[in-house]
Amino acid sequence: MTPLQDVIYTYAQENLLRRLLREDNAALHRSEREAEELIGQLKALGGEPERLVKKLRFASDTAASLREQGCFLAGLAAGMELGSFSAAARTGTTCWRR
């Protein structure tokens, strides 16, 4: 992401995410808590299960982060496109080819 996209992404996470996920916050926290408990149980087994759970967690966190950034960029692009349509409607111009 560009530096500007990073700033907007950070702002969205810190100021908008909780409000936008209002209805799903409880389920999100429950899922995160359950995942942590399961990871703790697997780590307690020690040895190979503990090593594998660390690798799984890293891979899962990386995939989730990349997916989250992709969704953010898609939403940002859609918002910018909608904004250009709105501006075109106000000015009577269009971005469509004739």
Protein backbone atom coordinates (compact mmCIF):
# COMPACT_ATOMS: atom_id res chain seq x y z
CA MET A 1 0.00 0.00 0.00
CA THR A 2 1.05 3.58 -0.54
CA PRO A 3 1.81 5.79 2.48
CA LEU A 4 -1.54 7.59 2.01
CA GLN A 5 -3.40 4.28 1.87
CA ASP A 6 -1.59 3.20 5.05
CA VAL A 7 -2.74 6.36 6.85
CA ILE A 8 -6.36 5.90 5.72
CA TYR A 9 -6.21 2.19 6.64
CA THR A 10 -4.92 2.99 10.14
CA TYR A 11 -7.58 5.67 10.60
CA ALA A 12 -10.31 3.24 9.51
CA GLN A 13 -9.07 0.55 11.91
CA GLU A 14 -8.77 2.91 14.85
CA ASN A 15 -11.90 5.00 14.32
CA LEU A 16 -14.41 3.22 12.10
CA LEU A 17 -14.05 -0.54 12.42
CA ARG A 18 -15.71 -0.96 15.82
CA ARG A 19 -18.73 1.12 14.76
CA LEU A 20 -19.07 -0.62 11.39
CA LEU A 21 -18.85 -4.08 12.99
CA ARG A 22 -21.14 -3.13 15.87
CA GLU A 23 -23.49 -6.09 15.35
CA ASP A 24 -20.65 -8.58 14.92
CA ASN A 25 -18.28 -7.41 17.67
CA ALA A 26 -19.51 -9.93 20.25
CA ALA A 27 -19.14 -12.84 17.81
CA LEU A 28 -15.70 -11.59 16.77
CA HIS A 29 -14.48 -11.43 20.38
CA ARG A 30 -15.97 -14.86 21.14
CA SER A 31 -14.19 -16.38 18.14
CA GLU A 32 -10.89 -14.75 19.02
CA ARG A 33 -11.16 -15.95 22.63
CA GLU A 34 -12.01 -19.50 21.53
CA ALA A 35 -9.11 -19.55 19.06
CA GLU A 36 -6.71 -18.41 21.80
CA GLU A 37 -7.98 -21.14 24.14
CA LEU A 38 -7.51 -23.82 21.47
CA ILE A 39 -4.04 -22.55 20.64
CA GLY A 40 -3.18 -22.69 24.34
CA GLN A 41 -4.39 -26.29 24.55
CA LEU A 42 -2.32 -27.31 21.51
CA LYS A 43 0.78 -25.52 22.82
CA ALA A 44 0.38 -27.34 26.14
CA LEU A 45 0.94 -30.62 24.27
CA GLY A 46 4.50 -29.44 23.59
CA GLY A 47 6.87 -30.78 20.96
CA GLU A 48 5.60 -31.15 17.41
CA PRO A 49 2.03 -29.87 18.03
CA GLU A 50 3.45 -26.70 19.60
CA ARG A 51 5.82 -26.13 16.66
CA LEU A 52 3.02 -26.70 14.15
CA VAL A 53 0.60 -24.38 15.95
CA LYS A 54 3.19 -21.58 15.79
CA LYS A 55 3.57 -22.10 12.04
CA LEU A 56 -0.20 -22.29 11.58
CA ARG A 57 -0.74 -19.09 13.55
CA PHE A 58 1.87 -17.20 11.50
CA ALA A 59 0.40 -18.41 8.19
CA SER A 60 -3.16 -17.68 9.31
CA ASP A 61 -2.30 -14.20 10.61
CA THR A 62 -0.46 -13.37 7.38
CA ALA A 63 -3.36 -14.54 5.20
CA ALA A 64 -5.90 -12.63 7.32
CA SER A 65 -3.83 -9.45 7.18
CA LEU A 66 -3.44 -9.63 3.40
CA ARG A 67 -7.16 -10.37 2.95
CA GLU A 68 -8.07 -7.47 5.23
CA GLN A 69 -5.82 -5.08 3.31
CA GLY A 70 -7.27 -6.30 0.01
CA CYS A 71 -10.81 -5.72 1.23
CA PHE A 72 -9.86 -2.25 2.43
CA LEU A 73 -8.26 -1.36 -0.91
CA ALA A 74 -11.30 -2.70 -2.80
CA GLY A 75 -13.62 -0.58 -0.63
CA LEU A 76 -11.41 2.47 -1.07
CA ALA A 77 -11.36 2.00 -4.85
CA ALA A 78 -15.14 1.57 -4.95
CA GLY A 79 -15.61 4.71 -2.85
CA MET A 80 -13.34 6.70 -5.13
CA GLU A 81 -15.19 5.44 -8.19
CA LEU A 82 -18.56 6.33 -6.65
CA GLY A 83 -17.18 9.74 -5.76
CA SER A 84 -16.18 10.34 -9.36
CA PHE A 85 -19.69 9.38 -10.51
CA SER A 86 -21.16 11.78 -7.97
CA ALA A 87 -18.88 14.59 -9.19
CA ALA A 88 -19.79 13.82 -12.81
CA ALA A 89 -23.49 13.97 -11.96
CA ARG A 90 -23.07 17.36 -10.28
CA THR A 91 -21.13 18.85 -13.18
CA GLY A 92 -23.04 17.16 -15.96
CA THR A 93 -19.92 15.41 -17.22
CA THR A 94 -19.34 11.71 -17.47
CA CYS A 95 -16.41 9.36 -17.38
CA TRP A 96 -18.10 7.03 -19.86
CA ARG A 97 -16.90 6.89 -23.43
CA ARG A 98 -19.32 8.07 -26.05
